[in-house]
C-alpha atoms as a PDB file:
ATOM      1  CA  MET A   1      37.192  33.145  64.586  1.00  0.00           C
ATOM      2  CA  ARG A   2      37.942  36.306  66.434  1.00  0.00           C
ATOM      3  CA  THR A   3      37.319  39.719  64.424  1.00  0.00           C
ATOM      4  CA  ILE A   4      40.611  40.175  62.985  1.00  0.00           C
ATOM      5  CA  SER A   5      42.366  42.836  60.266  1.00  0.00           C
ATOM      6  CA  SER A   6      43.147  41.954  56.678  1.00  0.00           C
ATOM      7  CA  ALA A   7      46.931  42.720  57.915  1.00  0.00           C
ATOM      8  CA  VAL A   8      47.248  39.854  60.736  1.00  0.00           C
ATOM      9  CA  GLY A   9      49.702  37.483  60.070  1.00  0.00           C
ATOM     10  CA  VAL A  10      48.111  33.859  59.223  1.00  0.00           C
ATOM     11  CA  ARG A  11      49.172  30.421  57.642  1.00  0.00           C
ATOM     12  CA  LEU A  12      47.547  29.321  54.898  1.00  0.00           C
ATOM     13  CA  TYR A  13      47.836  25.565  54.732  1.00  0.00           C
ATOM     14  CA  HIS A  14      46.246  22.613  53.251  1.00  0.00           C
ATOM     15  CA  LEU A  15      45.211  19.386  54.770  1.00  0.00           C
ATOM     16  CA  ASP A  16      45.706  16.236  53.029  1.00  0.00           C
ATOM     17  CA  ASP A  17      43.747  13.478  54.585  1.00  0.00           C
ATOM     18  CA  ALA A  18      44.259  11.274  51.321  1.00  0.00           C
ATOM     19  CA  LEU A  19      47.214  10.338  52.490  1.00  0.00           C
ATOM     20  CA  GLU A  20      47.792   7.758  55.585  1.00  0.00           C
ATOM     21  CA  GLY A  21      48.093  10.090  58.880  1.00  0.00           C
ATOM     22  CA  GLY A  22      47.347  13.049  56.806  1.00  0.00           C
ATOM     23  CA  ALA A  23      49.434  15.742  55.871  1.00  0.00           C
ATOM     24  CA  ALA A  24      49.934  19.229  55.956  1.00  0.00           C
ATOM     25  CA  THR A  25      51.201  21.223  53.757  1.00  0.00           C
ATOM     26  CA  THR A  26      51.858  25.659  54.099  1.00  0.00           C
ATOM     27  CA  LEU A  27      50.882  27.312  51.165  1.00  0.00           C
ATOM     28  CA  PHE A  28      51.849  30.840  52.583  1.00  0.00           C
ATOM     29  CA  TYR A  29      52.648  32.698  55.730  1.00  0.00           C
ATOM     30  CA  GLY A  30      51.592  36.389  55.437  1.00  0.00           C
ATOM     31  CA  PRO A  31      48.629  38.830  55.617  1.00  0.00           C
ATOM     32  CA  LEU A  32      45.168  37.605  55.933  1.00  0.00           C
ATOM     33  CA  GLY A  33      44.028  39.351  52.740  1.00  0.00           C
ATOM     34  CA  GLU A  34      46.620  37.904  50.664  1.00  0.00           C
ATOM     35  CA  ALA A  35      46.189  34.551  52.240  1.00  0.00           C
ATOM     36  CA  LEU A  36      42.376  34.529  51.143  1.00  0.00           C
ATOM     37  CA  ALA A  37      42.908  35.759  47.388  1.00  0.00           C
ATOM     38  CA  ILE A  38      45.678  32.698  47.302  1.00  0.00           C
ATOM     39  CA  ALA A  39      43.277  30.877  48.572  1.00  0.00           C
ATOM     40  CA  ALA A  40      40.140  32.169  46.661  1.00  0.00           C
ATOM     41  CA  GLN A  41      42.843  31.259  43.064  1.00  0.00           C
ATOM     42  CA  GLN A  42      43.137  27.544  43.812  1.00  0.00           C
ATOM     43  CA  PRO A  43      40.722  24.749  42.438  1.00  0.00           C
ATOM     44  CA  GLU A  44      37.477  23.690  44.219  1.00  0.00           C
ATOM     45  CA  GLU A  45      38.843  20.334  45.727  1.00  0.00           C
ATOM     46  CA  VAL A  46      41.785  22.040  46.752  1.00  0.00           C
ATOM     47  CA  GLN A  47      40.023  24.761  48.715  1.00  0.00           C
ATOM     48  CA  ALA A  48      37.778  21.841  50.535  1.00  0.00           C
ATOM     49  CA  GLY A  49      41.188  21.001  52.663  1.00  0.00           C
ATOM     50  CA  LEU A  50      42.434  24.513  53.495  1.00  0.00           C
ATOM     51  CA  TYR A  51      42.718  26.278  56.484  1.00  0.00           C
ATOM     52  CA  ILE A  52      43.849  29.816  58.156  1.00  0.00           C
ATOM     53  CA  ALA A  53      45.501  29.821  61.046  1.00  0.00           C
ATOM     54  CA  THR A  54      46.276  32.900  63.061  1.00  0.00           C
ATOM     55  CA  GLU A  55      47.466  32.572  66.817  1.00  0.00           C
ATOM     56  CA  ASN A  56      44.754  31.850  68.448  1.00  0.00           C
ATOM     57  CA  ASP A  57      42.459  30.236  66.464  1.00  0.00           C
ATOM     58  CA  VAL A  58      41.995  27.529  62.930  1.00  0.00           C
ATOM     59  CA  VAL A  59      38.936  28.142  60.488  1.00  0.00           C
ATOM     60  CA  ALA A  60      38.329  26.579  57.342  1.00  0.00           C
ATOM     61  CA  TYR A  61      38.392  28.482  54.355  1.00  0.00           C
ATOM     62  CA  LEU A  62      35.098  27.320  53.294  1.00  0.00           C
ATOM     63  CA  ASP A  63      33.994  28.497  56.237  1.00  0.00           C
ATOM     64  CA  LEU A  64      35.103  32.171  55.676  1.00  0.00           C
ATOM     65  CA  ASP A  65      34.094  32.366  52.026  1.00  0.00           C
ATOM     66  CA  GLU A  66      30.239  31.285  52.459  1.00  0.00           C
END
């Protein structure tokens, strides 16, 4: 992921691969800082399926949290 500020607009979504074909559920659209705070509040099993999408990249939340 490119270096970005906490104010950049992102999409936080959960990718559920348990359903046939998978399903992406958007949890939040807005600043990266808020998206990270919302992601941190989710249960561990949900965090494993969270992704953050910017205009140019998609990264797993847990890869950012390390």
